[in-house]
């Protein structure tokens, strides 16, 4: 019986890092650089948190086309904004200050 518990404990230790890596993979980055979202189109599984980071010296506002998620505040250099996408769909967004900046999140 002790041997079975020991083997079970080893199996749990072997599996645990795989779960931790899977959880860490749930956050995905979008960089705001040179007045563009990078990547411009991002495909993620449902439940993914997308984090935008402004690397420009100008402020940017991440705004959903069609109000599919709440807009960010004005993001200054180094500021971040995050949205967790729980439902499949296509989420178009843009910068309200610079409307030529557009991007798409595809949630599967």
N, C-alpha and C. Protein backbone atom coordinates (compact mmCIF):
# COMPACT_ATOMS: atom_id res chain seq x y z
N UNK A 1 0.81 -1.19 0.00
CA UNK A 1 0.00 0.00 0.00
C UNK A 1 0.86 1.27 0.00
N UNK A 2 1.97 1.24 0.82
CA UNK A 2 2.85 2.40 0.87
C UNK A 2 3.50 2.64 -0.49
N UNK A 3 3.87 1.56 -1.18
CA UNK A 3 4.49 1.68 -2.50
C UNK A 3 3.52 2.32 -3.49
N UNK A 4 2.26 1.95 -3.45
CA UNK A 4 1.25 2.52 -4.36
C UNK A 4 1.10 4.02 -4.10
N UNK A 5 1.08 4.42 -2.85
CA UNK A 5 0.97 5.85 -2.51
C UNK A 5 2.21 6.60 -2.99
N UNK A 6 3.38 5.99 -2.86
CA UNK A 6 4.62 6.61 -3.29
C UNK A 6 4.62 6.82 -4.81
N UNK A 7 4.19 5.78 -5.55
CA UNK A 7 4.13 5.87 -7.02
C UNK A 7 3.11 6.93 -7.43
N UNK A 8 1.97 6.96 -6.76
CA UNK A 8 0.95 7.97 -7.06
C UNK A 8 1.50 9.38 -6.83
N UNK A 9 2.25 9.55 -5.73
CA UNK A 9 2.85 10.85 -5.44
C UNK A 9 3.84 11.26 -6.52
N UNK A 10 4.65 10.34 -7.00
CA UNK A 10 5.59 10.64 -8.08
C UNK A 10 4.86 11.03 -9.36
N UNK A 11 3.78 10.34 -9.66
CA UNK A 11 3.00 10.66 -10.86
C UNK A 11 2.44 12.07 -10.78
N UNK A 12 1.94 12.44 -9.59
CA UNK A 12 1.39 13.79 -9.41
C UNK A 12 2.46 14.85 -9.59
N UNK A 13 3.67 14.59 -9.08
CA UNK A 13 4.76 15.54 -9.25
C UNK A 13 5.14 15.68 -10.71
N UNK A 14 5.08 14.59 -11.46
CA UNK A 14 5.43 14.64 -12.88
C UNK A 14 4.39 15.40 -13.68
N UNK A 15 3.14 15.30 -13.30
CA UNK A 15 2.05 15.95 -14.04
C UNK A 15 1.93 17.42 -13.69
N UNK A 16 2.23 17.81 -12.46
CA UNK A 16 2.03 19.17 -11.99
C UNK A 16 2.68 20.23 -12.87
N UNK A 17 3.96 20.09 -13.29
CA UNK A 17 4.55 21.11 -14.16
C UNK A 17 3.80 21.27 -15.48
N UNK A 18 3.23 20.20 -16.00
CA UNK A 18 2.47 20.30 -17.25
C UNK A 18 1.25 21.18 -17.06
N UNK A 19 0.56 21.04 -15.91
CA UNK A 19 -0.59 21.90 -15.63
C UNK A 19 -0.15 23.34 -15.44
N UNK A 20 0.95 23.57 -14.77
CA UNK A 20 1.45 24.92 -14.55
C UNK A 20 1.81 25.57 -15.88
N UNK A 21 2.45 24.84 -16.78
CA UNK A 21 2.80 25.39 -18.09
C UNK A 21 1.55 25.72 -18.89
N UNK A 22 0.53 24.87 -18.78
CA UNK A 22 -0.72 25.12 -19.50
C UNK A 22 -1.39 26.38 -18.97
N UNK A 23 -1.41 26.58 -17.65
CA UNK A 23 -2.03 27.77 -17.07
C UNK A 23 -1.27 29.02 -17.48
N UNK A 24 0.06 28.95 -17.52
CA UNK A 24 0.86 30.11 -17.90
C UNK A 24 0.63 30.48 -19.36
N UNK A 25 0.32 29.51 -20.19
CA UNK A 25 0.11 29.76 -21.61
C UNK A 25 -1.20 30.49 -21.87
N UNK A 26 -2.05 30.65 -20.85
CA UNK A 26 -3.34 31.30 -21.02
C UNK A 26 -3.22 32.81 -21.23
N UNK A 27 -2.11 33.43 -20.82
CA UNK A 27 -1.92 34.86 -21.02
C UNK A 27 -1.12 35.09 -22.31
N UNK A 28 -1.64 35.98 -23.15
CA UNK A 28 -1.00 36.26 -24.43
C UNK A 28 -0.81 37.75 -24.58
N UNK A 29 0.32 38.15 -25.15
CA UNK A 29 0.67 39.57 -25.26
C UNK A 29 0.35 40.13 -26.64
N UNK A 30 -0.05 41.40 -26.64
CA UNK A 30 -0.11 42.20 -27.85
C UNK A 30 0.71 43.45 -27.55
N UNK A 31 1.74 43.70 -28.34
CA UNK A 31 2.57 44.88 -28.17
C UNK A 31 2.04 46.02 -29.00
N UNK A 32 2.09 47.22 -28.44
CA UNK A 32 1.74 48.43 -29.18
C UNK A 32 3.06 49.15 -29.43
N UNK A 33 3.50 49.10 -30.69
CA UNK A 33 4.79 49.64 -31.07
C UNK A 33 4.69 50.31 -32.43
N UNK A 34 5.27 51.50 -32.56
CA UNK A 34 5.28 52.23 -33.83
C UNK A 34 3.87 52.39 -34.40
N UNK A 35 2.92 52.75 -33.51
CA UNK A 35 1.53 53.00 -33.90
C UNK A 35 0.90 51.80 -34.59
N UNK A 36 1.17 50.60 -34.05
CA UNK A 36 0.58 49.38 -34.58
C UNK A 36 0.45 48.35 -33.46
N UNK A 37 -0.55 47.48 -33.61
CA UNK A 37 -0.72 46.35 -32.70
C UNK A 37 0.04 45.17 -33.29
N UNK A 38 0.82 44.49 -32.44
CA UNK A 38 1.60 43.35 -32.92
C UNK A 38 1.46 42.19 -31.94
N UNK A 39 0.90 41.07 -32.41
CA UNK A 39 0.46 40.81 -33.77
C UNK A 39 -0.86 41.51 -34.07
N UNK A 40 -1.07 41.79 -35.34
CA UNK A 40 -2.28 42.47 -35.77
C UNK A 40 -3.50 41.57 -35.61
N UNK A 41 -3.33 40.29 -35.90
CA UNK A 41 -4.38 39.29 -35.70
C UNK A 41 -3.82 38.20 -34.79
N UNK A 42 -4.61 37.86 -33.77
CA UNK A 42 -4.19 36.88 -32.78
C UNK A 42 -5.30 35.85 -32.62
N UNK A 43 -4.95 34.57 -32.71
CA UNK A 43 -5.93 33.48 -32.51
C UNK A 43 -5.59 32.78 -31.21
N UNK A 44 -6.60 32.70 -30.32
CA UNK A 44 -6.38 32.13 -28.99
C UNK A 44 -7.54 31.21 -28.61
N UNK A 45 -7.33 30.29 -27.68
CA UNK A 45 -8.45 29.47 -27.18
C UNK A 45 -9.29 30.29 -26.19
N UNK A 46 -10.55 29.92 -26.03
CA UNK A 46 -11.42 30.57 -25.05
C UNK A 46 -10.78 30.46 -23.67
N UNK A 47 -10.92 31.51 -22.88
CA UNK A 47 -10.33 31.55 -21.55
C UNK A 47 -8.99 32.24 -21.49
N UNK A 48 -8.48 32.69 -22.64
CA UNK A 48 -7.17 33.34 -22.69
C UNK A 48 -7.28 34.80 -22.26
N UNK A 49 -6.32 35.22 -21.45
CA UNK A 49 -6.21 36.64 -21.10
C UNK A 49 -5.22 37.27 -22.07
N UNK A 50 -5.67 38.31 -22.77
CA UNK A 50 -4.81 39.05 -23.70
C UNK A 50 -4.38 40.33 -22.99
N UNK A 51 -3.08 40.59 -22.99
CA UNK A 51 -2.52 41.77 -22.33
C UNK A 51 -1.85 42.65 -23.38
N UNK A 52 -2.34 43.87 -23.52
CA UNK A 52 -1.75 44.86 -24.41
C UNK A 52 -0.76 45.69 -23.61
N UNK A 53 0.42 45.97 -24.19
CA UNK A 53 1.42 46.82 -23.55
C UNK A 53 1.82 47.91 -24.52
N UNK A 54 1.73 49.17 -24.07
CA UNK A 54 2.11 50.30 -24.92
C UNK A 54 3.61 50.56 -24.80
N UNK A 55 4.32 50.41 -25.93
CA UNK A 55 5.75 50.69 -25.99
C UNK A 55 6.04 52.01 -26.69
N UNK A 56 4.99 52.69 -27.16
CA UNK A 56 5.16 53.99 -27.83
C UNK A 56 5.26 55.11 -26.79
N UNK A 57 5.75 56.25 -27.22
CA UNK A 57 5.81 57.42 -26.35
C UNK A 57 4.50 58.21 -26.37
N UNK A 58 3.59 57.82 -27.23
CA UNK A 58 2.27 58.46 -27.31
C UNK A 58 1.24 57.56 -26.63
N UNK A 59 0.19 58.13 -26.06
CA UNK A 59 -0.85 57.29 -25.45
C UNK A 59 -1.71 56.60 -26.50
N UNK A 60 -2.29 55.47 -26.12
CA UNK A 60 -3.20 54.72 -26.98
C UNK A 60 -4.36 54.21 -26.14
N UNK A 61 -5.53 54.05 -26.76
CA UNK A 61 -6.71 53.51 -26.10
C UNK A 61 -7.19 52.30 -26.89
N UNK A 62 -7.22 51.13 -26.25
CA UNK A 62 -7.70 49.90 -26.89
C UNK A 62 -9.22 49.89 -26.76
N UNK A 63 -9.91 49.91 -27.91
CA UNK A 63 -11.37 49.99 -27.92
C UNK A 63 -11.94 48.92 -28.83
N UNK A 64 -12.93 48.20 -28.32
CA UNK A 64 -13.59 47.15 -29.09
C UNK A 64 -14.53 47.75 -30.12
N UNK A 65 -14.44 47.29 -31.35
CA UNK A 65 -15.43 47.67 -32.36
C UNK A 65 -16.71 46.91 -32.00
N UNK A 66 -17.80 47.62 -31.80
CA UNK A 66 -19.05 46.97 -31.44
C UNK A 66 -19.21 46.74 -29.95
N UNK A 67 -18.38 47.36 -29.13
CA UNK A 67 -18.48 47.27 -27.67
C UNK A 67 -18.52 45.82 -27.16
N UNK A 68 -17.67 44.97 -27.71
CA UNK A 68 -17.60 43.57 -27.29
C UNK A 68 -16.84 43.40 -25.96
N UNK A 69 -16.01 44.39 -25.60
CA UNK A 69 -15.35 44.43 -24.30
C UNK A 69 -15.12 45.89 -23.93
N UNK A 70 -14.90 46.14 -22.66
CA UNK A 70 -14.73 47.51 -22.17
C UNK A 70 -13.45 48.12 -22.72
N UNK A 71 -13.47 49.42 -23.04
CA UNK A 71 -12.26 50.08 -23.53
C UNK A 71 -11.25 50.30 -22.41
N UNK A 72 -9.99 50.39 -22.80
CA UNK A 72 -8.96 50.72 -21.83
C UNK A 72 -9.01 52.21 -21.52
N UNK A 73 -8.31 52.61 -20.50
CA UNK A 73 -8.05 54.03 -20.30
C UNK A 73 -6.92 54.39 -21.25
N UNK A 74 -6.52 55.63 -21.32
CA UNK A 74 -5.39 56.01 -22.16
C UNK A 74 -4.13 55.36 -21.58
N UNK A 75 -3.47 54.54 -22.39
CA UNK A 75 -2.27 53.82 -21.95
C UNK A 75 -1.03 54.64 -22.29
N UNK A 76 -0.31 55.05 -21.26
CA UNK A 76 0.96 55.74 -21.48
C UNK A 76 2.06 54.70 -21.68
N UNK A 77 3.26 55.15 -21.95
CA UNK A 77 4.39 54.25 -22.18
C UNK A 77 4.55 53.29 -21.01
N UNK A 78 4.57 51.99 -21.32
CA UNK A 78 4.75 50.97 -20.30
C UNK A 78 3.46 50.50 -19.65
N UNK A 79 2.36 51.19 -19.87
CA UNK A 79 1.08 50.77 -19.29
C UNK A 79 0.54 49.53 -20.00
N UNK A 80 -0.25 48.74 -19.25
CA UNK A 80 -0.86 47.54 -19.80
C UNK A 80 -2.36 47.58 -19.61
N UNK A 81 -3.05 46.77 -20.42
CA UNK A 81 -4.50 46.60 -20.33
C UNK A 81 -4.78 45.14 -20.67
N UNK A 82 -5.68 44.51 -19.91
CA UNK A 82 -5.94 43.08 -20.12
C UNK A 82 -7.43 42.80 -20.24
N UNK A 83 -7.75 41.84 -21.11
CA UNK A 83 -9.12 41.33 -21.27
C UNK A 83 -9.04 39.82 -21.34
N UNK A 84 -9.91 39.13 -20.60
CA UNK A 84 -10.01 37.68 -20.71
C UNK A 84 -11.17 37.36 -21.64
N UNK A 85 -10.88 36.62 -22.70
CA UNK A 85 -11.87 36.27 -23.71
C UNK A 85 -12.42 34.88 -23.41
N UNK A 86 -13.63 34.84 -22.88
CA UNK A 86 -14.21 33.56 -22.46
C UNK A 86 -15.10 32.92 -23.51
N UNK A 87 -15.57 33.70 -24.47
CA UNK A 87 -16.49 33.15 -25.49
C UNK A 87 -15.84 33.18 -26.88
N UNK A 88 -16.02 32.10 -27.65
CA UNK A 88 -15.51 32.10 -29.03
C UNK A 88 -16.14 33.23 -29.85
N UNK A 89 -15.37 33.73 -30.78
CA UNK A 89 -15.84 34.79 -31.67
C UNK A 89 -14.67 35.58 -32.21
N UNK A 90 -15.00 36.57 -33.02
CA UNK A 90 -13.99 37.47 -33.59
C UNK A 90 -14.20 38.85 -32.99
N UNK A 91 -13.16 39.36 -32.37
CA UNK A 91 -13.21 40.63 -31.66
C UNK A 91 -12.30 41.64 -32.37
N UNK A 92 -12.89 42.54 -33.11
CA UNK A 92 -12.12 43.60 -33.77
C UNK A 92 -11.93 44.74 -32.78
N UNK A 93 -10.78 45.39 -32.84
CA UNK A 93 -10.52 46.52 -31.95
C UNK A 93 -9.65 47.54 -32.65
N UNK A 94 -9.57 48.73 -32.05
CA UNK A 94 -8.79 49.82 -32.63
C UNK A 94 -8.38 50.78 -31.52
N UNK A 95 -7.54 51.74 -31.86
CA UNK A 95 -7.15 52.81 -30.93
C UNK A 95 -8.04 54.01 -31.22
N UNK A 96 -8.76 54.49 -30.21
CA UNK A 96 -9.66 55.63 -30.46
C UNK A 96 -8.90 56.92 -30.73
N UNK A 97 -7.66 57.02 -30.26
CA UNK A 97 -6.86 58.22 -30.52
C UNK A 97 -6.28 58.16 -31.94
N UNK A 98 -5.92 56.96 -32.39
CA UNK A 98 -5.32 56.76 -33.71
C UNK A 98 -6.11 55.67 -34.43
N UNK A 99 -7.26 56.00 -35.02
CA UNK A 99 -8.16 54.97 -35.59
C UNK A 99 -7.58 54.12 -36.70
N UNK A 100 -6.43 54.53 -37.25
CA UNK A 100 -5.81 53.69 -38.27
C UNK A 100 -5.16 52.46 -37.66
N UNK A 101 -5.01 52.45 -36.33
CA UNK A 101 -4.45 51.29 -35.61
C UNK A 101 -5.58 50.31 -35.35
N UNK A 102 -5.52 49.16 -35.99
CA UNK A 102 -6.58 48.15 -35.84
C UNK A 102 -5.98 46.79 -35.56
N UNK A 103 -6.78 45.93 -34.93
CA UNK A 103 -6.34 44.58 -34.64
C UNK A 103 -7.55 43.68 -34.48
N UNK A 104 -7.30 42.38 -34.42
CA UNK A 104 -8.37 41.39 -34.29
C UNK A 104 -7.91 40.28 -33.37
N UNK A 105 -8.80 39.89 -32.46
CA UNK A 105 -8.59 38.71 -31.63
C UNK A 105 -9.61 37.67 -32.08
N UNK A 106 -9.16 36.50 -32.48
CA UNK A 106 -10.04 35.40 -32.86
C UNK A 106 -10.00 34.39 -31.72
N UNK A 107 -11.15 34.17 -31.10
CA UNK A 107 -11.23 33.24 -29.97
C UNK A 107 -11.93 31.97 -30.45
N UNK A 108 -11.27 30.84 -30.26
CA UNK A 108 -11.82 29.55 -30.69
C UNK A 108 -12.36 28.76 -29.52
